[in-house]
């Protein structure tokens, strides 16, 4: 997890985690891939700036879903 989804992330390393045997690793990778921006402590190498369109949006993964939804929280 630290190597593939640490503080600096990129899509190539995150995709490695999508086949990890641990469910939490797969959820983290799917959520990080859905958010194509740098925000907070986690930087995406290929997206160095925050995306204002994603302000107040959080990754939510419903039970049984294969990908997260970016849901606006107020």
C-alpha atoms as a PDB file:
ATOM      1  CA  UNK A   1       0.000   0.000   0.000  1.00  0.00           C
ATOM      2  CA  UNK A   2       2.722   2.511   0.920  1.00  0.00           C
ATOM      3  CA  UNK A   3       4.597   1.979  -2.352  1.00  0.00           C
ATOM      4  CA  UNK A   4       1.549   1.955  -4.654  1.00  0.00           C
ATOM      5  CA  UNK A   5      -0.844   4.325  -2.845  1.00  0.00           C
ATOM      6  CA  UNK A   6       1.399   6.398  -0.585  1.00  0.00           C
ATOM      7  CA  UNK A   7       1.626  10.166  -0.455  1.00  0.00           C
ATOM      8  CA  UNK A   8       2.550  10.481  -4.128  1.00  0.00           C
ATOM      9  CA  UNK A   9       0.416   8.313  -6.387  1.00  0.00           C
ATOM     10  CA  UNK A  10       0.046   7.652 -10.080  1.00  0.00           C
ATOM     11  CA  UNK A  11      -2.477   5.676 -12.105  1.00  0.00           C
ATOM     12  CA  UNK A  12      -0.029   2.936 -13.078  1.00  0.00           C
ATOM     13  CA  UNK A  13       0.811   2.026  -9.472  1.00  0.00           C
ATOM     14  CA  UNK A  14      -2.790   2.424  -8.305  1.00  0.00           C
ATOM     15  CA  UNK A  15      -3.959  -0.044 -10.964  1.00  0.00           C
ATOM     16  CA  UNK A  16      -1.613  -2.659  -9.454  1.00  0.00           C
ATOM     17  CA  UNK A  17      -3.692  -2.514  -6.267  1.00  0.00           C
ATOM     18  CA  UNK A  18      -6.963  -3.224  -8.083  1.00  0.00           C
ATOM     19  CA  UNK A  19      -5.994  -6.906  -8.068  1.00  0.00           C
ATOM     20  CA  UNK A  20      -4.688  -6.942  -4.485  1.00  0.00           C
ATOM     21  CA  UNK A  21      -6.102  -9.748  -2.312  1.00  0.00           C
ATOM     22  CA  UNK A  22      -7.035  -7.272   0.433  1.00  0.00           C
ATOM     23  CA  UNK A  23     -10.418  -5.549  -0.123  1.00  0.00           C
ATOM     24  CA  UNK A  24      -9.326  -2.312   1.543  1.00  0.00           C
ATOM     25  CA  UNK A  25      -6.383  -1.953  -0.857  1.00  0.00           C
ATOM     26  CA  UNK A  26      -8.746  -2.356  -3.818  1.00  0.00           C
ATOM     27  CA  UNK A  27     -11.157   0.246  -2.388  1.00  0.00           C
ATOM     28  CA  UNK A  28      -8.374   2.766  -1.791  1.00  0.00           C
ATOM     29  CA  UNK A  29      -7.046   2.257  -5.318  1.00  0.00           C
ATOM     30  CA  UNK A  30     -10.481   2.594  -6.937  1.00  0.00           C
ATOM     31  CA  UNK A  31     -11.222   5.780  -4.989  1.00  0.00           C
ATOM     32  CA  UNK A  32      -7.834   7.307  -5.777  1.00  0.00           C
ATOM     33  CA  UNK A  33      -8.191   6.506  -9.482  1.00  0.00           C
ATOM     34  CA  UNK A  34     -11.626   8.159  -9.564  1.00  0.00           C
ATOM     35  CA  UNK A  35     -10.227  11.395  -8.127  1.00  0.00           C
ATOM     36  CA  UNK A  36      -7.947  12.835 -10.799  1.00  0.00           C
ATOM     37  CA  UNK A  37      -6.421  15.638  -8.759  1.00  0.00           C
ATOM     38  CA  UNK A  38      -4.049  16.411  -5.931  1.00  0.00           C
ATOM     39  CA  UNK A  39      -5.801  17.252  -2.693  1.00  0.00           C
ATOM     40  CA  UNK A  40      -4.568  17.300   0.866  1.00  0.00           C
ATOM     41  CA  UNK A  41      -1.647  15.022   1.660  1.00  0.00           C
ATOM     42  CA  UNK A  42      -2.134  12.677  -1.299  1.00  0.00           C
ATOM     43  CA  UNK A  43      -0.641  13.908  -4.569  1.00  0.00           C
ATOM     44  CA  UNK A  44      -1.404  12.473  -7.989  1.00  0.00           C
ATOM     45  CA  UNK A  45       1.767  12.745 -10.059  1.00  0.00           C
ATOM     46  CA  UNK A  46      -0.168  13.225 -13.313  1.00  0.00           C
ATOM     47  CA  UNK A  47      -2.668  15.697 -11.778  1.00  0.00           C
ATOM     48  CA  UNK A  48      -0.601  18.113  -9.623  1.00  0.00           C
ATOM     49  CA  UNK A  49      -3.357  20.665  -8.942  1.00  0.00           C
ATOM     50  CA  UNK A  50      -6.663  20.413  -7.071  1.00  0.00           C
ATOM     51  CA  UNK A  51      -9.771  20.307  -9.243  1.00  0.00           C
ATOM     52  CA  UNK A  52     -12.305  22.896  -8.006  1.00  0.00           C
ATOM     53  CA  UNK A  53     -15.107  20.829  -9.574  1.00  0.00           C
ATOM     54  CA  UNK A  54     -14.405  18.184  -6.924  1.00  0.00           C
ATOM     55  CA  UNK A  55     -14.679  20.547  -3.940  1.00  0.00           C
ATOM     56  CA  UNK A  56     -16.905  19.060  -1.217  1.00  0.00           C
ATOM     57  CA  UNK A  57     -17.081  15.714  -3.058  1.00  0.00           C
ATOM     58  CA  UNK A  58     -16.210  12.469  -1.362  1.00  0.00           C
ATOM     59  CA  UNK A  59     -15.658   8.977  -2.719  1.00  0.00           C
ATOM     60  CA  UNK A  60     -18.540   6.730  -1.696  1.00  0.00           C
ATOM     61  CA  UNK A  61     -18.540   3.051  -2.568  1.00  0.00           C
ATOM     62  CA  UNK A  62     -21.877   1.316  -2.121  1.00  0.00           C
ATOM     63  CA  UNK A  63     -21.934  -2.301  -1.000  1.00  0.00           C
ATOM     64  CA  UNK A  64     -21.450  -4.506  -4.041  1.00  0.00           C
ATOM     65  CA  UNK A  65     -20.346  -1.628  -6.277  1.00  0.00           C
ATOM     66  CA  UNK A  66     -17.229  -1.950  -8.403  1.00  0.00           C
ATOM     67  CA  UNK A  67     -16.394   1.742  -8.541  1.00  0.00           C
ATOM     68  CA  UNK A  68     -16.877   4.773  -6.308  1.00  0.00           C
ATOM     69  CA  UNK A  69     -19.255   7.660  -6.849  1.00  0.00           C
ATOM     70  CA  UNK A  70     -18.053  11.188  -6.132  1.00  0.00           C
ATOM     71  CA  UNK A  71     -20.859  12.490  -3.927  1.00  0.00           C
ATOM     72  CA  UNK A  72     -21.237  16.136  -2.898  1.00  0.00           C
ATOM     73  CA  UNK A  73     -21.443  16.640   0.859  1.00  0.00           C
ATOM     74  CA  UNK A  74     -22.593  19.966   2.232  1.00  0.00           C
END
